[in-house]
Amino acid sequence: MSQKPFWQSVVAGALHCGSGCTLGDIIAESLLLFFPVVLFGSTLYGTWLVDFILAFIMGIIFQYYAIKPMKKISSQDALKAALKADALSLMAWQVSMYGGMAIATLSSLNIIYQQLHFYSGSLCSLL
């Protein structure tokens, strides 16, 4: 059997990472419907924390089960390899995703606040 081209290995690794993160996010969001978590007085921050933890764990699990049979190594070595392969990329992906959502959330709230301020000022001036 011939060696896969490099780009195919990269795509397969990214898909393992992305599918694990997605599954972790879906599980977390489902659990949070019934058991909300509040962090710094915000359920949004609590949700992001639980999403991050489960996405990270699921991403590592997906990489573990891809690496262990492929390299035929011990469980401990496969776990180390999965962490080495995915920890930084998972954290970068999750942090940038939540950062983007924070910017969108805060800018949306700012726009709503400005509109409410404008309309309340307009209503007061009519009185």
N, C-alpha and C. Protein backbone atom coordinates (compact mmCIF):
# COMPACT_ATOMS: atom_id res chain seq x y z
N MET A 1 0.85 -1.18 0.00
CA MET A 1 0.00 0.00 0.00
C MET A 1 0.89 1.24 0.00
N SER A 2 0.56 2.20 -0.83
CA SER A 2 1.39 3.40 -0.94
C SER A 2 1.06 4.41 0.15
N GLN A 3 2.02 5.27 0.41
CA GLN A 3 1.87 6.32 1.42
C GLN A 3 0.89 7.38 0.92
N LYS A 4 -0.01 7.85 1.81
CA LYS A 4 -0.94 8.93 1.46
C LYS A 4 -0.17 10.21 1.19
N PRO A 5 -0.67 11.03 0.26
CA PRO A 5 -0.07 12.36 0.10
C PRO A 5 -0.24 13.18 1.39
N PHE A 6 0.68 14.11 1.61
CA PHE A 6 0.69 14.90 2.84
C PHE A 6 -0.64 15.62 3.06
N TRP A 7 -1.20 16.21 2.01
CA TRP A 7 -2.43 16.98 2.17
C TRP A 7 -3.58 16.10 2.65
N GLN A 8 -3.59 14.83 2.25
CA GLN A 8 -4.66 13.94 2.71
C GLN A 8 -4.51 13.64 4.20
N SER A 9 -3.28 13.51 4.66
CA SER A 9 -3.06 13.30 6.10
C SER A 9 -3.49 14.52 6.90
N VAL A 10 -3.19 15.70 6.38
CA VAL A 10 -3.57 16.94 7.05
C VAL A 10 -5.10 17.06 7.11
N VAL A 11 -5.77 16.77 6.01
CA VAL A 11 -7.23 16.84 5.98
C VAL A 11 -7.84 15.84 6.95
N ALA A 12 -7.31 14.62 6.97
CA ALA A 12 -7.84 13.59 7.89
C ALA A 12 -7.66 14.02 9.34
N GLY A 13 -6.50 14.58 9.67
CA GLY A 13 -6.27 15.06 11.04
C GLY A 13 -7.20 16.19 11.41
N ALA A 14 -7.40 17.12 10.47
CA ALA A 14 -8.30 18.25 10.74
C ALA A 14 -9.74 17.78 10.91
N LEU A 15 -10.15 16.80 10.13
CA LEU A 15 -11.51 16.28 10.26
C LEU A 15 -11.72 15.54 11.58
N HIS A 16 -10.70 14.82 12.03
CA HIS A 16 -10.81 14.17 13.34
C HIS A 16 -10.96 15.23 14.43
N CYS A 17 -10.15 16.27 14.35
CA CYS A 17 -10.20 17.35 15.33
C CYS A 17 -11.55 18.04 15.29
N GLY A 18 -11.99 18.43 14.10
CA GLY A 18 -13.25 19.15 13.94
C GLY A 18 -14.46 18.33 14.35
N SER A 19 -14.46 17.05 14.01
CA SER A 19 -15.61 16.22 14.37
C SER A 19 -15.68 15.99 15.88
N GLY A 20 -14.52 15.83 16.51
CA GLY A 20 -14.52 15.69 17.97
C GLY A 20 -15.01 16.94 18.65
N CYS A 21 -14.55 18.10 18.18
CA CYS A 21 -14.98 19.38 18.76
C CYS A 21 -16.49 19.57 18.57
N THR A 22 -16.96 19.28 17.38
CA THR A 22 -18.38 19.45 17.09
C THR A 22 -19.23 18.55 17.98
N LEU A 23 -18.83 17.30 18.10
CA LEU A 23 -19.58 16.37 18.95
C LEU A 23 -19.56 16.84 20.41
N GLY A 24 -18.41 17.31 20.88
CA GLY A 24 -18.32 17.83 22.24
C GLY A 24 -19.24 19.03 22.44
N ASP A 25 -19.28 19.93 21.46
CA ASP A 25 -20.16 21.10 21.54
C ASP A 25 -21.63 20.69 21.57
N ILE A 26 -22.00 19.73 20.74
CA ILE A 26 -23.40 19.26 20.70
C ILE A 26 -23.79 18.64 22.04
N ILE A 27 -22.93 17.79 22.58
CA ILE A 27 -23.21 17.16 23.88
C ILE A 27 -23.32 18.22 24.97
N ALA A 28 -22.39 19.17 24.97
CA ALA A 28 -22.40 20.22 26.00
C ALA A 28 -23.67 21.05 25.91
N GLU A 29 -24.03 21.47 24.72
CA GLU A 29 -25.23 22.30 24.57
C GLU A 29 -26.49 21.53 24.99
N SER A 30 -26.52 20.24 24.70
CA SER A 30 -27.67 19.43 25.11
C SER A 30 -27.75 19.33 26.63
N LEU A 31 -26.61 19.11 27.28
CA LEU A 31 -26.60 19.04 28.74
C LEU A 31 -26.95 20.39 29.38
N LEU A 32 -26.47 21.46 28.76
CA LEU A 32 -26.69 22.79 29.34
C LEU A 32 -28.14 23.25 29.25
N LEU A 33 -28.93 22.62 28.39
CA LEU A 33 -30.36 22.93 28.37
C LEU A 33 -31.00 22.55 29.69
N PHE A 34 -30.52 21.46 30.29
CA PHE A 34 -31.09 20.95 31.52
C PHE A 34 -30.32 21.38 32.77
N PHE A 35 -29.02 21.61 32.61
CA PHE A 35 -28.16 21.96 33.73
C PHE A 35 -27.32 23.19 33.37
N PRO A 36 -27.91 24.38 33.40
CA PRO A 36 -27.13 25.58 33.02
C PRO A 36 -26.00 25.85 34.01
N VAL A 37 -24.93 26.38 33.49
CA VAL A 37 -23.75 26.73 34.29
C VAL A 37 -23.56 28.23 34.22
N VAL A 38 -23.36 28.86 35.37
CA VAL A 38 -23.14 30.31 35.42
C VAL A 38 -21.69 30.55 35.81
N LEU A 39 -21.01 31.40 35.04
CA LEU A 39 -19.63 31.77 35.32
C LEU A 39 -19.53 33.28 35.25
N PHE A 40 -19.02 33.91 36.28
CA PHE A 40 -18.94 35.38 36.37
C PHE A 40 -20.30 36.03 36.17
N GLY A 41 -21.35 35.38 36.66
CA GLY A 41 -22.69 35.92 36.58
C GLY A 41 -23.34 35.79 35.21
N SER A 42 -22.74 35.01 34.31
CA SER A 42 -23.25 34.88 32.95
C SER A 42 -23.39 33.41 32.55
N THR A 43 -24.55 33.06 32.05
CA THR A 43 -24.71 31.70 31.54
C THR A 43 -23.95 31.53 30.23
N LEU A 44 -23.74 32.62 29.49
CA LEU A 44 -22.98 32.54 28.24
C LEU A 44 -21.54 32.10 28.53
N TYR A 45 -20.90 32.70 29.53
CA TYR A 45 -19.53 32.31 29.87
C TYR A 45 -19.48 30.87 30.40
N GLY A 46 -20.47 30.50 31.19
CA GLY A 46 -20.55 29.12 31.68
C GLY A 46 -20.71 28.13 30.55
N THR A 47 -21.52 28.50 29.57
CA THR A 47 -21.72 27.64 28.41
C THR A 47 -20.42 27.48 27.63
N TRP A 48 -19.71 28.59 27.44
CA TRP A 48 -18.44 28.52 26.72
C TRP A 48 -17.44 27.63 27.44
N LEU A 49 -17.40 27.69 28.76
CA LEU A 49 -16.47 26.86 29.53
C LEU A 49 -16.79 25.38 29.35
N VAL A 50 -18.05 25.01 29.52
CA VAL A 50 -18.45 23.60 29.38
C VAL A 50 -18.22 23.14 27.93
N ASP A 51 -18.57 23.97 26.96
CA ASP A 51 -18.32 23.64 25.56
C ASP A 51 -16.84 23.37 25.32
N PHE A 52 -16.00 24.25 25.84
CA PHE A 52 -14.56 24.11 25.64
C PHE A 52 -14.05 22.79 26.22
N ILE A 53 -14.45 22.50 27.45
CA ILE A 53 -13.96 21.29 28.12
C ILE A 53 -14.39 20.04 27.36
N LEU A 54 -15.67 19.94 27.02
CA LEU A 54 -16.13 18.74 26.32
C LEU A 54 -15.59 18.66 24.90
N ALA A 55 -15.48 19.77 24.21
CA ALA A 55 -14.91 19.76 22.86
C ALA A 55 -13.45 19.32 22.90
N PHE A 56 -12.71 19.80 23.89
CA PHE A 56 -11.31 19.41 24.03
C PHE A 56 -11.19 17.91 24.29
N ILE A 57 -11.97 17.41 25.23
CA ILE A 57 -11.92 15.99 25.57
C ILE A 57 -12.30 15.13 24.37
N MET A 58 -13.38 15.48 23.69
CA MET A 58 -13.83 14.68 22.54
C MET A 58 -12.81 14.76 21.39
N GLY A 59 -12.22 15.92 21.18
CA GLY A 59 -11.21 16.05 20.14
C GLY A 59 -10.01 15.16 20.40
N ILE A 60 -9.57 15.12 21.65
CA ILE A 60 -8.44 14.25 22.01
C ILE A 60 -8.82 12.78 21.87
N ILE A 61 -10.04 12.44 22.27
CA ILE A 61 -10.49 11.04 22.13
C ILE A 61 -10.51 10.63 20.66
N PHE A 62 -11.02 11.49 19.79
CA PHE A 62 -11.05 11.15 18.36
C PHE A 62 -9.63 10.96 17.83
N GLN A 63 -8.70 11.82 18.22
CA GLN A 63 -7.31 11.67 17.76
C GLN A 63 -6.69 10.40 18.33
N TYR A 64 -6.98 10.11 19.58
CA TYR A 64 -6.45 8.91 20.23
C TYR A 64 -6.84 7.67 19.43
N TYR A 65 -8.13 7.55 19.10
CA TYR A 65 -8.59 6.36 18.38
C TYR A 65 -8.15 6.35 16.92
N ALA A 66 -7.69 7.45 16.40
CA ALA A 66 -7.10 7.45 15.07
C ALA A 66 -5.63 7.07 15.13
N ILE A 67 -4.92 7.52 16.16
CA ILE A 67 -3.48 7.31 16.27
C ILE A 67 -3.13 5.91 16.76
N LYS A 68 -3.85 5.42 17.77
CA LYS A 68 -3.47 4.14 18.40
C LYS A 68 -3.43 2.99 17.40
N PRO A 69 -4.47 2.72 16.62
CA PRO A 69 -4.36 1.58 15.70
C PRO A 69 -3.41 1.85 14.52
N MET A 70 -3.27 3.11 14.14
CA MET A 70 -2.42 3.44 13.01
C MET A 70 -0.94 3.21 13.35
N LYS A 71 -0.54 3.63 14.54
CA LYS A 71 0.87 3.52 14.92
C LYS A 71 1.18 2.25 15.73
N LYS A 72 0.12 1.56 16.17
CA LYS A 72 0.28 0.33 16.97
C LYS A 72 1.20 0.56 18.16
N ILE A 73 0.80 1.53 19.01
CA ILE A 73 1.58 1.88 20.19
C ILE A 73 0.73 1.67 21.44
N SER A 74 1.34 1.80 22.60
CA SER A 74 0.62 1.59 23.86
C SER A 74 -0.43 2.69 24.05
N SER A 75 -1.36 2.44 24.94
CA SER A 75 -2.42 3.41 25.22
C SER A 75 -1.86 4.72 25.74
N GLN A 76 -0.88 4.63 26.63
CA GLN A 76 -0.28 5.83 27.21
C GLN A 76 0.45 6.64 26.13
N ASP A 77 1.20 5.96 25.27
CA ASP A 77 1.90 6.66 24.20
C ASP A 77 0.91 7.26 23.19
N ALA A 78 -0.19 6.55 22.94
CA ALA A 78 -1.20 7.06 22.01
C ALA A 78 -1.88 8.31 22.58
N LEU A 79 -2.13 8.31 23.89
CA LEU A 79 -2.72 9.48 24.53
C LEU A 79 -1.76 10.67 24.47
N LYS A 80 -0.48 10.42 24.74
CA LYS A 80 0.51 11.49 24.64
C LYS A 80 0.58 12.02 23.21
N ALA A 81 0.55 11.12 22.23
CA ALA A 81 0.62 11.54 20.83
C ALA A 81 -0.63 12.34 20.44
N ALA A 82 -1.80 11.93 20.94
CA ALA A 82 -3.03 12.66 20.64
C ALA A 82 -3.00 14.06 21.24
N LEU A 83 -2.53 14.16 22.48
CA LEU A 83 -2.40 15.47 23.12
C LEU A 83 -1.39 16.35 22.38
N LYS A 84 -0.27 15.73 22.01
CA LYS A 84 0.76 16.48 21.28
C LYS A 84 0.25 16.94 19.92
N ALA A 85 -0.52 16.10 19.26
CA ALA A 85 -1.01 16.43 17.92
C ALA A 85 -2.13 17.47 17.95
N ASP A 86 -2.93 17.47 19.00
CA ASP A 86 -4.15 18.25 18.94
C ASP A 86 -4.34 19.32 20.00
N ALA A 87 -3.62 19.28 21.09
CA ALA A 87 -3.91 20.19 22.20
C ALA A 87 -3.86 21.66 21.77
N LEU A 88 -2.78 22.07 21.14
CA LEU A 88 -2.65 23.49 20.76
C LEU A 88 -3.66 23.88 19.69
N SER A 89 -3.86 23.01 18.70
CA SER A 89 -4.81 23.36 17.64
C SER A 89 -6.24 23.41 18.17
N LEU A 90 -6.59 22.48 19.08
CA LEU A 90 -7.92 22.51 19.68
C LEU A 90 -8.13 23.78 20.49
N MET A 91 -7.12 24.14 21.29
CA MET A 91 -7.25 25.34 22.11
C MET A 91 -7.33 26.59 21.22
N ALA A 92 -6.50 26.64 20.19
CA ALA A 92 -6.53 27.80 19.29
C ALA A 92 -7.88 27.91 18.60
N TRP A 93 -8.41 26.79 18.13
CA TRP A 93 -9.70 26.80 17.45
C TRP A 93 -10.80 27.26 18.41
N GLN A 94 -10.87 26.65 19.58
CA GLN A 94 -11.93 26.96 20.52
C GLN A 94 -11.84 28.42 21.01
N VAL A 95 -10.65 28.87 21.36
CA VAL A 95 -10.49 30.24 21.85
C VAL A 95 -10.83 31.25 20.76
N SER A 96 -10.40 30.99 19.53
CA SER A 96 -10.74 31.93 18.45
C SER A 96 -12.23 31.90 18.14
N MET A 97 -12.86 30.74 18.23
CA MET A 97 -14.29 30.65 17.99
C MET A 97 -15.06 31.43 19.07
N TYR A 98 -14.69 31.25 20.33
CA TYR A 98 -15.37 31.97 21.40
C TYR A 98 -15.04 33.46 21.36
N GLY A 99 -13.83 33.80 20.95
CA GLY A 99 -13.48 35.21 20.78
C GLY A 99 -14.33 35.87 19.71
N GLY A 100 -14.52 35.17 18.60
CA GLY A 100 -15.39 35.69 17.54
C GLY A 100 -16.83 35.83 18.00
N MET A 101 -17.29 34.84 18.78
CA MET A 101 -18.66 34.92 19.29
C MET A 101 -18.78 36.06 20.30
N ALA A 102 -17.73 36.29 21.10
CA ALA A 102 -17.77 37.40 22.06
C ALA A 102 -17.84 38.74 21.35
N ILE A 103 -17.04 38.89 20.31
CA ILE A 103 -17.07 40.14 19.54
C ILE A 103 -18.45 40.35 18.92
N ALA A 104 -19.00 39.29 18.34
CA ALA A 104 -20.32 39.40 17.73
C ALA A 104 -21.39 39.71 18.77
N THR A 105 -21.30 39.04 19.92
CA THR A 105 -22.28 39.26 20.98
C THR A 105 -22.19 40.69 21.52
N LEU A 106 -20.98 41.11 21.83
CA LEU A 106 -20.81 42.45 22.40
C LEU A 106 -21.17 43.54 21.40
N SER A 107 -20.82 43.35 20.13
CA SER A 107 -21.17 44.37 19.14
C SER A 107 -22.68 44.39 18.91
N SER A 108 -23.32 43.22 18.94
CA SER A 108 -24.78 43.17 18.79
C SER A 108 -25.45 43.88 19.96
N LEU A 109 -24.96 43.61 21.17
CA LEU A 109 -25.54 44.27 22.34
C LEU A 109 -25.31 45.77 22.28
N ASN A 110 -24.15 46.20 21.80
CA ASN A 110 -23.85 47.62 21.68
C ASN A 110 -24.80 48.28 20.67
N ILE A 111 -25.05 47.62 19.55
CA ILE A 111 -25.97 48.17 18.54
C ILE A 111 -27.37 48.28 19.12
N ILE A 112 -27.81 47.25 19.83
CA ILE A 112 -29.15 47.28 20.44
C ILE A 112 -29.23 48.41 21.47
N TYR A 113 -28.18 48.54 22.30
CA TYR A 113 -28.16 49.60 23.30
C TYR A 113 -28.24 50.98 22.63
N GLN A 114 -27.47 51.17 21.57
CA GLN A 114 -27.48 52.46 20.87
C GLN A 114 -28.86 52.75 20.28
N GLN A 115 -29.51 51.73 19.72
CA GLN A 115 -30.83 51.93 19.15
C GLN A 115 -31.85 52.26 20.25
N LEU A 116 -31.77 51.54 21.36
CA LEU A 116 -32.69 51.82 22.47
C LEU A 116 -32.46 53.23 23.02
N HIS A 117 -31.20 53.62 23.14
CA HIS A 117 -30.86 54.95 23.62
C HIS A 117 -31.40 56.02 22.67
N PHE A 118 -31.23 55.79 21.37
CA PHE A 118 -31.71 56.74 20.37
C PHE A 118 -33.23 56.86 20.43
N TYR A 119 -33.91 55.70 20.44
CA TYR A 119 -35.38 55.74 20.43
C TYR A 119 -35.94 56.27 21.73
N SER A 120 -35.32 55.94 22.87
CA SER A 120 -35.83 56.48 24.13
C SER A 120 -35.63 58.00 24.17
N GLY A 121 -34.50 58.47 23.63
CA GLY A 121 -34.27 59.91 23.55
C GLY A 121 -35.28 60.59 22.63
N SER A 122 -35.60 59.92 21.53
CA SER A 122 -36.57 60.47 20.59
C SER A 122 -37.97 60.54 21.23
N LEU A 123 -38.32 59.50 21.98
CA LEU A 123 -39.62 59.49 22.63
C LEU A 123 -39.70 60.57 23.70
N CYS A 124 -38.62 60.74 24.46
CA CYS A 124 -38.60 61.77 25.51
C CYS A 124 -38.72 63.16 24.89
N SER A 125 -38.11 63.37 23.76
CA SER A 125 -38.17 64.70 23.13
C SER A 125 -39.58 65.02 22.61
N LEU A 126 -40.33 63.97 22.30
CA LEU A 126 -41.71 64.19 21.84
C LEU A 126 -42.61 64.59 22.99
N LEU A 127 -42.28 64.18 24.19
CA LEU A 127 -43.11 64.50 25.36
C LEU A 127 -42.82 65.92 25.77
